[in-house]
Amino acid sequence: MSQVISLTPPLSEEDVLRLKIGDQVSINGFIFTARDAAHKRLVELVEKGEPLPFDIRGAIIYFVGPTPARPGQVIGSAGPTTSYRMDSYSPILIEQGLKGMIGKGNRGPEVLEAMKKRKAVYFAAVGGAGALIARSVVSSEVIAYEDLGPEAIRRIEVKDFRVVVANDAHGGDLFKEGIARYKKT
């Protein structure tokens, strides 16, 4: 069984460069949630030269819009959303210092190139496991765009949030390599 790598955000370039596709990772600490509507607003702020609502340098953004929390829970179901919805925004945020993204599904060529150039990483979370993932969330606080409801930006604290490196800063692509490895000719 492979070793699980423990990471605590904010991530440094050194943290990112030691990761390779297929690595199992446990994230502990604070990350941010944002989906497409929030990403659009973040990029608009960047384009206007205005400050972002959180320090993006070294941050990890989880592409999720959690369901409302039930009484006694910190957060509702928190499964990943399809990442390509953020592809038009991610390169701009990576340029601002974003080091990690969590979602499901593969990423476009512009995102992969930005990750190689600026040393960032994309983690895959298991789709359909939102209730299980929610158990890793220790605290949750809306920090921006409350009007977006579930898609508001949250600062969440996670403990042992398990993900897999799907795209690394070296150009590795688990989606392509996985298909090539198991493709029958």
N, C-alpha and C. Protein backbone atom coordinates (compact mmCIF):
# COMPACT_ATOMS: atom_id res chain seq x y z
N MET A 1 0.86 -1.19 0.00
CA MET A 1 0.00 0.00 0.00
C MET A 1 0.89 1.24 0.00
N SER A 2 0.53 2.21 -0.79
CA SER A 2 1.35 3.42 -0.89
C SER A 2 1.14 4.32 0.32
N GLN A 3 2.16 5.11 0.58
CA GLN A 3 2.14 6.03 1.71
C GLN A 3 1.22 7.21 1.42
N VAL A 4 0.52 7.67 2.45
CA VAL A 4 -0.34 8.85 2.33
C VAL A 4 0.49 10.06 2.71
N ILE A 5 0.48 11.07 1.86
CA ILE A 5 1.21 12.31 2.09
C ILE A 5 0.30 13.29 2.81
N SER A 6 0.77 13.84 3.90
CA SER A 6 -0.01 14.82 4.67
C SER A 6 0.38 16.22 4.23
N LEU A 7 -0.61 17.05 3.94
CA LEU A 7 -0.39 18.45 3.55
C LEU A 7 -1.21 19.37 4.43
N THR A 8 -0.61 20.51 4.76
CA THR A 8 -1.30 21.55 5.52
C THR A 8 -1.20 22.86 4.75
N PRO A 9 -2.33 23.37 4.24
CA PRO A 9 -2.29 24.65 3.52
C PRO A 9 -1.94 25.81 4.46
N PRO A 10 -1.39 26.90 3.95
CA PRO A 10 -1.12 27.14 2.53
C PRO A 10 0.04 26.29 2.03
N LEU A 11 -0.04 25.92 0.75
CA LEU A 11 0.97 25.08 0.13
C LEU A 11 2.12 25.93 -0.39
N SER A 12 3.31 25.42 -0.25
CA SER A 12 4.49 26.07 -0.81
C SER A 12 4.78 25.43 -2.17
N GLU A 13 5.65 26.06 -2.93
CA GLU A 13 6.06 25.48 -4.21
C GLU A 13 6.72 24.12 -3.96
N GLU A 14 7.49 24.03 -2.88
CA GLU A 14 8.15 22.77 -2.53
C GLU A 14 7.11 21.67 -2.27
N ASP A 15 6.02 22.00 -1.55
CA ASP A 15 4.94 21.03 -1.30
C ASP A 15 4.41 20.49 -2.62
N VAL A 16 4.14 21.40 -3.54
CA VAL A 16 3.54 21.03 -4.82
C VAL A 16 4.50 20.20 -5.66
N LEU A 17 5.76 20.59 -5.70
CA LEU A 17 6.72 19.90 -6.56
C LEU A 17 7.03 18.47 -6.11
N ARG A 18 6.80 18.15 -4.86
CA ARG A 18 7.07 16.77 -4.42
C ARG A 18 5.93 15.82 -4.75
N LEU A 19 4.79 16.35 -5.20
CA LEU A 19 3.63 15.52 -5.52
C LEU A 19 3.69 14.99 -6.95
N LYS A 20 3.27 13.75 -7.10
CA LYS A 20 3.21 13.10 -8.41
C LYS A 20 1.82 12.49 -8.58
N ILE A 21 1.39 12.37 -9.83
CA ILE A 21 0.06 11.79 -10.07
C ILE A 21 -0.04 10.42 -9.40
N GLY A 22 -1.21 10.16 -8.87
CA GLY A 22 -1.48 8.91 -8.18
C GLY A 22 -1.19 8.96 -6.70
N ASP A 23 -0.45 9.99 -6.24
CA ASP A 23 -0.17 10.10 -4.81
C ASP A 23 -1.48 10.26 -4.03
N GLN A 24 -1.57 9.56 -2.92
CA GLN A 24 -2.70 9.72 -2.01
C GLN A 24 -2.32 10.79 -0.99
N VAL A 25 -3.22 11.73 -0.78
CA VAL A 25 -2.94 12.89 0.06
C VAL A 25 -4.02 13.05 1.13
N SER A 26 -3.59 13.44 2.31
CA SER A 26 -4.48 13.80 3.41
C SER A 26 -4.28 15.29 3.68
N ILE A 27 -5.34 16.08 3.49
CA ILE A 27 -5.25 17.53 3.72
C ILE A 27 -5.79 17.84 5.11
N ASN A 28 -5.03 18.64 5.84
CA ASN A 28 -5.40 19.05 7.19
C ASN A 28 -5.18 20.54 7.32
N GLY A 29 -6.23 21.28 7.68
CA GLY A 29 -6.11 22.72 7.81
C GLY A 29 -7.24 23.42 7.08
N PHE A 30 -6.99 24.67 6.71
CA PHE A 30 -8.05 25.48 6.09
C PHE A 30 -7.94 25.50 4.57
N ILE A 31 -9.08 25.26 3.92
CA ILE A 31 -9.20 25.37 2.47
C ILE A 31 -10.44 26.22 2.18
N PHE A 32 -10.65 26.55 0.93
CA PHE A 32 -11.78 27.39 0.55
C PHE A 32 -12.67 26.65 -0.43
N THR A 33 -13.96 26.93 -0.38
CA THR A 33 -14.90 26.35 -1.33
C THR A 33 -15.32 27.42 -2.33
N ALA A 34 -15.45 27.04 -3.58
CA ALA A 34 -15.93 27.96 -4.62
C ALA A 34 -16.30 27.15 -5.85
N ARG A 35 -17.43 27.53 -6.45
CA ARG A 35 -17.83 26.94 -7.72
C ARG A 35 -17.79 28.01 -8.79
N ASP A 36 -18.42 27.76 -9.93
CA ASP A 36 -18.29 28.64 -11.09
C ASP A 36 -18.75 30.08 -10.85
N ALA A 37 -19.87 30.29 -10.18
CA ALA A 37 -20.35 31.66 -9.98
C ALA A 37 -19.36 32.46 -9.12
N ALA A 38 -18.84 31.83 -8.08
CA ALA A 38 -17.85 32.50 -7.23
C ALA A 38 -16.55 32.73 -7.98
N HIS A 39 -16.13 31.75 -8.79
CA HIS A 39 -14.91 31.91 -9.59
C HIS A 39 -15.03 33.11 -10.54
N LYS A 40 -16.20 33.25 -11.13
CA LYS A 40 -16.42 34.38 -12.04
C LYS A 40 -16.21 35.70 -11.31
N ARG A 41 -16.76 35.79 -10.10
CA ARG A 41 -16.62 37.03 -9.33
C ARG A 41 -15.16 37.26 -8.91
N LEU A 42 -14.46 36.20 -8.55
CA LEU A 42 -13.05 36.34 -8.18
C LEU A 42 -12.23 36.87 -9.35
N VAL A 43 -12.46 36.32 -10.52
CA VAL A 43 -11.71 36.75 -11.71
C VAL A 43 -12.06 38.20 -12.06
N GLU A 44 -13.31 38.59 -11.90
CA GLU A 44 -13.69 39.99 -12.14
C GLU A 44 -12.93 40.93 -11.20
N LEU A 45 -12.74 40.52 -9.95
CA LEU A 45 -11.96 41.33 -9.01
C LEU A 45 -10.51 41.45 -9.47
N VAL A 46 -9.94 40.34 -9.91
CA VAL A 46 -8.55 40.35 -10.40
C VAL A 46 -8.44 41.30 -11.59
N GLU A 47 -9.39 41.20 -12.52
CA GLU A 47 -9.36 42.05 -13.72
C GLU A 47 -9.50 43.53 -13.39
N LYS A 48 -10.19 43.84 -12.30
CA LYS A 48 -10.35 45.24 -11.87
C LYS A 48 -9.20 45.69 -10.98
N GLY A 49 -8.29 44.77 -10.64
CA GLY A 49 -7.19 45.10 -9.76
C GLY A 49 -7.60 45.26 -8.31
N GLU A 50 -8.73 44.68 -7.94
CA GLU A 50 -9.24 44.77 -6.57
C GLU A 50 -8.82 43.54 -5.77
N PRO A 51 -8.74 43.67 -4.45
CA PRO A 51 -8.32 42.53 -3.61
C PRO A 51 -9.37 41.42 -3.58
N LEU A 52 -8.87 40.21 -3.43
CA LEU A 52 -9.76 39.05 -3.30
C LEU A 52 -10.23 38.95 -1.85
N PRO A 53 -11.34 38.25 -1.60
CA PRO A 53 -11.87 38.15 -0.24
C PRO A 53 -11.06 37.23 0.69
N PHE A 54 -10.03 36.58 0.17
CA PHE A 54 -9.14 35.76 0.98
C PHE A 54 -7.78 35.74 0.31
N ASP A 55 -6.75 35.38 1.08
CA ASP A 55 -5.39 35.31 0.54
C ASP A 55 -5.27 34.04 -0.29
N ILE A 56 -5.15 34.20 -1.58
CA ILE A 56 -5.13 33.05 -2.49
C ILE A 56 -3.75 32.42 -2.59
N ARG A 57 -2.73 33.11 -2.12
CA ARG A 57 -1.36 32.59 -2.24
C ARG A 57 -1.20 31.32 -1.41
N GLY A 58 -0.94 30.21 -2.10
CA GLY A 58 -0.77 28.92 -1.45
C GLY A 58 -2.07 28.21 -1.10
N ALA A 59 -3.19 28.83 -1.44
CA ALA A 59 -4.50 28.28 -1.06
C ALA A 59 -4.89 27.06 -1.90
N ILE A 60 -5.83 26.31 -1.34
CA ILE A 60 -6.49 25.22 -2.05
C ILE A 60 -7.97 25.59 -2.13
N ILE A 61 -8.53 25.50 -3.34
CA ILE A 61 -9.96 25.72 -3.54
C ILE A 61 -10.61 24.38 -3.87
N TYR A 62 -11.66 24.06 -3.12
CA TYR A 62 -12.45 22.85 -3.34
C TYR A 62 -13.69 23.25 -4.12
N PHE A 63 -13.88 22.64 -5.27
CA PHE A 63 -15.03 22.93 -6.14
C PHE A 63 -16.25 22.18 -5.60
N VAL A 64 -16.99 22.85 -4.72
CA VAL A 64 -18.12 22.22 -4.06
C VAL A 64 -19.17 23.27 -3.70
N GLY A 65 -20.41 22.86 -3.73
CA GLY A 65 -21.53 23.66 -3.23
C GLY A 65 -22.27 22.78 -2.24
N PRO A 66 -21.84 22.76 -0.98
CA PRO A 66 -22.42 21.82 -0.02
C PRO A 66 -23.90 22.06 0.25
N THR A 67 -24.57 21.00 0.61
CA THR A 67 -25.98 21.12 0.99
C THR A 67 -26.04 21.73 2.39
N PRO A 68 -27.21 22.26 2.78
CA PRO A 68 -27.32 22.83 4.13
C PRO A 68 -27.02 21.76 5.20
N ALA A 69 -26.42 22.22 6.27
CA ALA A 69 -26.10 21.32 7.39
C ALA A 69 -27.36 20.96 8.16
N ARG A 70 -27.46 19.73 8.55
CA ARG A 70 -28.54 19.29 9.44
C ARG A 70 -28.18 19.72 10.85
N PRO A 71 -29.16 19.80 11.73
CA PRO A 71 -28.85 20.17 13.13
C PRO A 71 -27.74 19.30 13.71
N GLY A 72 -26.77 19.96 14.32
CA GLY A 72 -25.66 19.24 14.93
C GLY A 72 -24.51 18.94 13.99
N GLN A 73 -24.67 19.26 12.71
CA GLN A 73 -23.60 19.02 11.75
C GLN A 73 -22.93 20.34 11.37
N VAL A 74 -21.67 20.26 10.96
CA VAL A 74 -20.91 21.43 10.54
C VAL A 74 -21.29 21.83 9.11
N ILE A 75 -21.54 20.84 8.28
CA ILE A 75 -21.81 21.07 6.86
C ILE A 75 -22.66 19.91 6.35
N GLY A 76 -23.38 20.15 5.28
CA GLY A 76 -24.16 19.08 4.66
C GLY A 76 -23.28 18.26 3.73
N SER A 77 -23.90 17.50 2.88
CA SER A 77 -23.16 16.70 1.90
C SER A 77 -22.25 17.62 1.09
N ALA A 78 -20.99 17.20 0.91
CA ALA A 78 -20.00 18.08 0.30
C ALA A 78 -19.19 17.36 -0.78
N GLY A 79 -19.91 16.83 -1.77
CA GLY A 79 -19.24 16.14 -2.87
C GLY A 79 -18.72 17.11 -3.91
N PRO A 80 -17.65 16.74 -4.61
CA PRO A 80 -17.03 17.62 -5.60
C PRO A 80 -17.91 17.84 -6.82
N THR A 81 -17.76 19.02 -7.42
CA THR A 81 -18.45 19.29 -8.67
C THR A 81 -17.48 19.09 -9.83
N THR A 82 -18.01 19.01 -11.03
CA THR A 82 -17.21 18.79 -12.22
C THR A 82 -16.30 19.99 -12.47
N SER A 83 -15.03 19.73 -12.54
CA SER A 83 -14.02 20.79 -12.53
C SER A 83 -13.93 21.61 -13.81
N TYR A 84 -14.30 21.04 -14.96
CA TYR A 84 -14.13 21.80 -16.19
C TYR A 84 -14.93 23.10 -16.17
N ARG A 85 -15.93 23.20 -15.30
CA ARG A 85 -16.71 24.44 -15.19
C ARG A 85 -15.84 25.61 -14.72
N MET A 86 -14.73 25.30 -14.07
CA MET A 86 -13.83 26.34 -13.56
C MET A 86 -12.63 26.58 -14.48
N ASP A 87 -12.56 25.83 -15.59
CA ASP A 87 -11.38 25.90 -16.46
C ASP A 87 -11.08 27.28 -17.02
N SER A 88 -12.10 28.06 -17.33
CA SER A 88 -11.84 29.39 -17.90
C SER A 88 -11.32 30.37 -16.84
N TYR A 89 -11.53 30.05 -15.56
CA TYR A 89 -11.12 30.94 -14.48
C TYR A 89 -9.82 30.50 -13.79
N SER A 90 -9.59 29.21 -13.73
CA SER A 90 -8.46 28.68 -12.96
C SER A 90 -7.10 29.24 -13.34
N PRO A 91 -6.76 29.37 -14.64
CA PRO A 91 -5.42 29.90 -14.96
C PRO A 91 -5.17 31.30 -14.37
N ILE A 92 -6.19 32.13 -14.34
CA ILE A 92 -6.05 33.49 -13.79
C ILE A 92 -5.80 33.41 -12.28
N LEU A 93 -6.50 32.52 -11.60
CA LEU A 93 -6.33 32.38 -10.16
C LEU A 93 -4.99 31.71 -9.83
N ILE A 94 -4.56 30.78 -10.65
CA ILE A 94 -3.23 30.16 -10.47
C ILE A 94 -2.16 31.24 -10.60
N GLU A 95 -2.33 32.14 -11.54
CA GLU A 95 -1.38 33.23 -11.72
C GLU A 95 -1.32 34.13 -10.47
N GLN A 96 -2.42 34.21 -9.74
CA GLN A 96 -2.48 35.02 -8.52
C GLN A 96 -1.88 34.29 -7.31
N GLY A 97 -1.54 33.00 -7.48
CA GLY A 97 -0.90 32.27 -6.39
C GLY A 97 -1.63 31.04 -5.90
N LEU A 98 -2.80 30.72 -6.49
CA LEU A 98 -3.52 29.49 -6.13
C LEU A 98 -2.61 28.29 -6.38
N LYS A 99 -2.48 27.41 -5.38
CA LYS A 99 -1.58 26.26 -5.52
C LYS A 99 -2.30 24.93 -5.63
N GLY A 100 -3.55 24.85 -5.19
CA GLY A 100 -4.25 23.58 -5.23
C GLY A 100 -5.72 23.74 -5.56
N MET A 101 -6.25 22.76 -6.28
CA MET A 101 -7.67 22.70 -6.62
C MET A 101 -8.14 21.28 -6.38
N ILE A 102 -9.39 21.14 -5.93
CA ILE A 102 -9.97 19.82 -5.69
C ILE A 102 -11.30 19.76 -6.43
N GLY A 103 -11.52 18.71 -7.19
CA GLY A 103 -12.78 18.53 -7.89
C GLY A 103 -12.90 17.12 -8.41
N LYS A 104 -13.71 16.97 -9.45
CA LYS A 104 -13.80 15.66 -10.11
C LYS A 104 -13.74 15.88 -11.61
N GLY A 105 -13.19 14.93 -12.31
CA GLY A 105 -13.06 15.01 -13.76
C GLY A 105 -11.77 15.69 -14.18
N ASN A 106 -11.50 15.56 -15.48
CA ASN A 106 -10.24 16.09 -16.00
C ASN A 106 -10.30 17.59 -16.26
N ARG A 107 -9.12 18.18 -16.48
CA ARG A 107 -8.96 19.62 -16.68
C ARG A 107 -8.52 19.88 -18.12
N GLY A 108 -8.80 21.10 -18.59
CA GLY A 108 -8.44 21.49 -19.95
C GLY A 108 -6.97 21.84 -20.09
N PRO A 109 -6.51 21.94 -21.34
CA PRO A 109 -5.08 22.19 -21.61
C PRO A 109 -4.57 23.52 -21.05
N GLU A 110 -5.41 24.56 -21.01
CA GLU A 110 -4.97 25.85 -20.48
C GLU A 110 -4.69 25.76 -18.98
N VAL A 111 -5.50 24.99 -18.27
CA VAL A 111 -5.30 24.81 -16.83
C VAL A 111 -4.04 23.99 -16.60
N LEU A 112 -3.86 22.93 -17.36
CA LEU A 112 -2.67 22.08 -17.19
C LEU A 112 -1.40 22.87 -17.46
N GLU A 113 -1.42 23.72 -18.46
CA GLU A 113 -0.25 24.54 -18.78
C GLU A 113 0.03 25.55 -17.66
N ALA A 114 -1.01 26.17 -17.14
CA ALA A 114 -0.85 27.13 -16.04
C ALA A 114 -0.30 26.43 -14.80
N MET A 115 -0.72 25.20 -14.55
CA MET A 115 -0.23 24.44 -13.41
C MET A 115 1.26 24.14 -13.54
N LYS A 116 1.69 23.78 -14.73
CA LYS A 116 3.11 23.52 -14.95
C LYS A 116 3.93 24.80 -14.81
N LYS A 117 3.44 25.87 -15.41
CA LYS A 117 4.17 27.15 -15.41
C LYS A 117 4.27 27.74 -14.01
N ARG A 118 3.19 27.70 -13.24
CA ARG A 118 3.14 28.36 -11.92
C ARG A 118 3.22 27.39 -10.74
N LYS A 119 3.43 26.13 -11.02
CA LYS A 119 3.60 25.11 -9.98
C LYS A 119 2.37 24.99 -9.08
N ALA A 120 1.33 24.39 -9.64
CA ALA A 120 0.09 24.13 -8.92
C ALA A 120 -0.29 22.66 -9.11
N VAL A 121 -1.27 22.21 -8.36
CA VAL A 121 -1.67 20.80 -8.39
C VAL A 121 -3.19 20.71 -8.39
N TYR A 122 -3.68 19.66 -9.03
CA TYR A 122 -5.12 19.38 -9.05
C TYR A 122 -5.35 18.02 -8.41
N PHE A 123 -6.20 18.02 -7.39
CA PHE A 123 -6.54 16.80 -6.67
C PHE A 123 -7.94 16.34 -7.09
N ALA A 124 -8.11 15.03 -7.18
CA ALA A 124 -9.43 14.47 -7.43
C ALA A 124 -10.02 13.96 -6.12
N ALA A 125 -11.28 14.32 -5.89
CA ALA A 125 -12.03 13.78 -4.76
C ALA A 125 -13.05 12.81 -5.35
N VAL A 126 -13.52 11.90 -4.55
CA VAL A 126 -14.44 10.88 -5.04
C VAL A 126 -15.84 11.44 -5.20
N GLY A 127 -16.33 11.45 -6.43
CA GLY A 127 -17.70 11.87 -6.69
C GLY A 127 -18.67 10.87 -6.09
N GLY A 128 -19.81 11.37 -5.60
CA GLY A 128 -20.82 10.49 -5.02
C GLY A 128 -20.57 10.15 -3.56
N ALA A 129 -19.50 10.74 -3.00
CA ALA A 129 -19.16 10.44 -1.60
C ALA A 129 -19.29 11.69 -0.73
N GLY A 130 -20.24 12.57 -1.07
CA GLY A 130 -20.38 13.84 -0.38
C GLY A 130 -20.63 13.74 1.11
N ALA A 131 -21.43 12.76 1.53
CA ALA A 131 -21.70 12.60 2.97
C ALA A 131 -20.44 12.14 3.69
N LEU A 132 -19.68 11.25 3.06
CA LEU A 132 -18.43 10.78 3.66
C LEU A 132 -17.40 11.91 3.74
N ILE A 133 -17.27 12.69 2.66
CA ILE A 133 -16.33 13.81 2.65
C ILE A 133 -16.69 14.82 3.73
N ALA A 134 -17.98 15.06 3.93
CA ALA A 134 -18.43 16.03 4.93
C ALA A 134 -17.92 15.70 6.33
N ARG A 135 -17.66 14.42 6.60
CA ARG A 135 -17.13 14.02 7.90
C ARG A 135 -15.74 14.58 8.16
N SER A 136 -15.02 14.95 7.09
CA SER A 136 -13.68 15.52 7.22
C SER A 136 -13.72 17.01 7.55
N VAL A 137 -14.90 17.63 7.45
CA VAL A 137 -15.01 19.07 7.68
C VAL A 137 -15.25 19.34 9.17
N VAL A 138 -14.31 20.08 9.77
CA VAL A 138 -14.35 20.37 11.20
C VAL A 138 -15.10 21.68 11.48
N SER A 139 -14.94 22.66 10.58
CA SER A 139 -15.64 23.94 10.72
C SER A 139 -15.91 24.52 9.34
N SER A 140 -16.91 25.39 9.27
CA SER A 140 -17.29 26.01 8.00
C SER A 140 -17.82 27.42 8.27
N GLU A 141 -17.30 28.37 7.51
CA GLU A 141 -17.71 29.76 7.67
C GLU A 141 -17.81 30.42 6.30
N VAL A 142 -18.97 31.02 6.00
CA VAL A 142 -19.11 31.78 4.75
C VAL A 142 -18.28 33.05 4.88
N ILE A 143 -17.39 33.28 3.90
CA ILE A 143 -16.54 34.47 3.96
C ILE A 143 -16.81 35.45 2.82
N ALA A 144 -17.55 35.01 1.79
CA ALA A 144 -17.85 35.92 0.67
C ALA A 144 -19.02 35.38 -0.15
N TYR A 145 -19.76 36.31 -0.74
CA TYR A 145 -20.82 36.00 -1.70
C TYR A 145 -21.93 35.13 -1.09
N GLU A 146 -22.38 35.53 0.09
CA GLU A 146 -23.44 34.80 0.78
C GLU A 146 -24.69 34.68 -0.09
N ASP A 147 -24.89 35.66 -0.98
CA ASP A 147 -26.06 35.62 -1.88
C ASP A 147 -26.06 34.42 -2.82
N LEU A 148 -24.93 33.74 -2.96
CA LEU A 148 -24.85 32.58 -3.84
C LEU A 148 -25.33 31.29 -3.15
N GLY A 149 -25.74 31.42 -1.90
CA GLY A 149 -26.25 30.24 -1.18
C GLY A 149 -25.19 29.16 -1.06
N PRO A 150 -25.50 27.95 -1.51
CA PRO A 150 -24.53 26.86 -1.38
C PRO A 150 -23.22 27.13 -2.11
N GLU A 151 -23.26 28.03 -3.10
CA GLU A 151 -22.05 28.32 -3.88
C GLU A 151 -21.25 29.49 -3.32
N ALA A 152 -21.63 30.00 -2.15
CA ALA A 152 -20.86 31.05 -1.50
C ALA A 152 -19.45 30.53 -1.21
N ILE A 153 -18.52 31.44 -1.06
CA ILE A 153 -17.17 31.02 -0.69
C ILE A 153 -17.14 30.78 0.81
N ARG A 154 -16.68 29.59 1.17
CA ARG A 154 -16.54 29.21 2.57
C ARG A 154 -15.07 28.96 2.88
N ARG A 155 -14.72 29.25 4.10
CA ARG A 155 -13.42 28.84 4.64
C ARG A 155 -13.74 27.65 5.52
N ILE A 156 -13.27 26.48 5.09
CA ILE A 156 -13.56 25.28 5.86
C ILE A 156 -12.26 24.70 6.42
N GLU A 157 -12.39 24.17 7.61
CA GLU A 157 -11.26 23.45 8.19
C GLU A 157 -11.50 21.97 7.99
N VAL A 158 -10.50 21.29 7.44
CA VAL A 158 -10.64 19.86 7.17
C VAL A 158 -9.60 19.08 7.96
N LYS A 159 -9.98 17.86 8.29
CA LYS A 159 -9.06 16.95 8.97
C LYS A 159 -9.09 15.62 8.23
N ASP A 160 -7.92 15.21 7.77
CA ASP A 160 -7.77 13.96 7.02
C ASP A 160 -8.73 13.89 5.82
N PHE A 161 -8.75 14.97 5.05
CA PHE A 161 -9.54 15.02 3.81
C PHE A 161 -8.72 14.31 2.74
N ARG A 162 -9.18 13.14 2.31
CA ARG A 162 -8.43 12.30 1.40
C ARG A 162 -8.73 12.63 -0.06
N VAL A 163 -7.66 12.84 -0.80
CA VAL A 163 -7.72 13.12 -2.24
C VAL A 163 -6.58 12.39 -2.94
N VAL A 164 -6.62 12.38 -4.26
CA VAL A 164 -5.56 11.78 -5.08
C VAL A 164 -5.05 12.84 -6.04
N VAL A 165 -3.74 12.88 -6.25
CA VAL A 165 -3.17 13.82 -7.21
C VAL A 165 -3.54 13.36 -8.62
N ALA A 166 -4.35 14.16 -9.30
CA ALA A 166 -4.78 13.83 -10.66
C ALA A 166 -3.91 14.51 -11.72
N ASN A 167 -3.47 15.74 -11.43
CA ASN A 167 -2.57 16.47 -12.33
C ASN A 167 -1.50 17.11 -11.46
N ASP A 168 -0.24 16.85 -11.79
CA ASP A 168 0.83 17.42 -10.99
C ASP A 168 1.50 18.58 -11.73
N ALA A 169 2.42 19.24 -11.06
CA ALA A 169 3.10 20.42 -11.61
C ALA A 169 4.16 20.04 -12.64
N HIS A 170 4.37 18.75 -12.84
CA HIS A 170 5.37 18.27 -13.80
C HIS A 170 4.73 17.88 -15.13
N GLY A 171 3.43 18.07 -15.26
CA GLY A 171 2.73 17.72 -16.49
C GLY A 171 2.08 16.34 -16.46
N GLY A 172 2.17 15.66 -15.34
CA GLY A 172 1.55 14.35 -15.23
C GLY A 172 0.03 14.46 -15.23
N ASP A 173 -0.62 13.52 -15.91
CA ASP A 173 -2.08 13.52 -16.04
C ASP A 173 -2.59 12.11 -15.78
N LEU A 174 -3.13 11.89 -14.59
CA LEU A 174 -3.62 10.57 -14.20
C LEU A 174 -4.73 10.08 -15.12
N PHE A 175 -5.54 10.99 -15.63
CA PHE A 175 -6.64 10.59 -16.52
C PHE A 175 -6.09 9.99 -17.81
N LYS A 176 -5.13 10.65 -18.43
CA LYS A 176 -4.53 10.14 -19.67
C LYS A 176 -3.72 8.87 -19.42
N GLU A 177 -2.90 8.89 -18.38
CA GLU A 177 -2.05 7.73 -18.11
C GLU A 177 -2.87 6.52 -17.68
N GLY A 178 -3.96 6.77 -16.95
CA GLY A 178 -4.82 5.67 -16.54
C GLY A 178 -5.49 5.00 -17.73
N ILE A 179 -5.97 5.80 -18.66
CA ILE A 179 -6.59 5.25 -19.87
C ILE A 179 -5.57 4.47 -20.68
N ALA A 180 -4.39 5.05 -20.86
CA ALA A 180 -3.34 4.38 -21.64
C ALA A 180 -2.94 3.06 -20.98
N ARG A 181 -2.88 3.06 -19.67
CA ARG A 181 -2.43 1.86 -18.94
C ARG A 181 -3.41 0.70 -19.06
N TYR A 182 -4.70 1.02 -19.06
CA TYR A 182 -5.71 -0.05 -19.04
C TYR A 182 -6.46 -0.23 -20.35
N LYS A 183 -6.08 0.52 -21.36
CA LYS A 183 -6.75 0.41 -22.66
C LYS A 183 -6.41 -0.93 -23.31
N LYS A 184 -7.41 -1.58 -23.80
CA LYS A 184 -7.21 -2.84 -24.51
C LYS A 184 -7.09 -2.53 -26.00
N THR A 185 -6.09 -3.10 -26.63
CA THR A 185 -5.87 -2.84 -28.07
C THR A 185 -6.52 -3.88 -28.92
